[in-house]
């Protein structure tokens, strides 16, 4: 396992196990088995949210690690809440980052996680309405109280938002350690504005949707039915990505990974591990087999010529515009 350092937390695993599935696809026992398999493999970073697992993820994690809390670095979030769209499907909307909402959310997270502190609290989205100083002053209070150790943010859409956040945070006495963004082989929009802003402000990038919600595992095939029970079968946010060019690109990636004797999942994770833009990699897994392939990618090496070959495959499959301009679908109306 490789490790990264947050501002006040050392030796955090480069792989963070996401809790989105805990409480939906995995019950308490299955989650326990997966988390302790991760722990045995060197993963100590758990990433969750009050809305993950249909609202159950934090509680399931808390019960799992209550006797091993010191062994884990726990990240959770504030700023989104569940909603149901017109079709009756799951969606999210902004939960205003007011003092009242932040305190309520953090206290509830602490209760669910059975802990007295959160190692990393992330603002789950950009809030256009709430005064930013109200948000930041509240974070400062949480830091002084010891309830939160590190701060991060997610899903910002441009560099000016990052610069404004950092500038005002410094005035309040807050420093942000990380930014969680969609970043993978087919979502590289962040390279053109956000990543330069993060580097300028000394903020780590945590890649989110590292496997593009399972698309980059190669499970979806051109001109074949979507597998029953897969995420694309259950979510419009995944199925609408399955364009012919994307699926053809993945067939090329499967051949490339085969040439170096690894799975597509391991290859894609290796691309992130060897990418200078990335500090940490957040992943979702439903079982030990999936997580094992992810872990195997840590030690794979992606040479410069293979990086160049990936870029050529993106061009070959007409995906350059797609990778640059793919919408940030973290919200589903």
Foldseek 3Di string as FASTA:
>chain_A
DDADDFPPRGGADQEEEEQQCDQPLDDLVLVLVQVVLCVVLRHQHYEYECPGNVRQRLLSQLVNCVVPVVSHQYEYEAFKDWDADPVRDIWIDTDDLALVRVVVRLVVSCVSNVHQAHAEYEHEEDDPPDDLVRNLLSVVVCCVVRRYRAYEYEDDDFLVVLVVNQVSNVVNPHDHAAYEYADFLQAPQCVPGPLVSCVVRNHAYEHDCLCVQVLQQLPDAPPDDDDPPGPLNRDVSRVVVPDPLSRVLSVVLQVVCVVVPAGSLLQRLLCQLPDPSHRHYYDYDSHPVSVVSNSNSNPDHQDPVNVVVSVVSCVVSVRPCRNNDPDRPNGDD
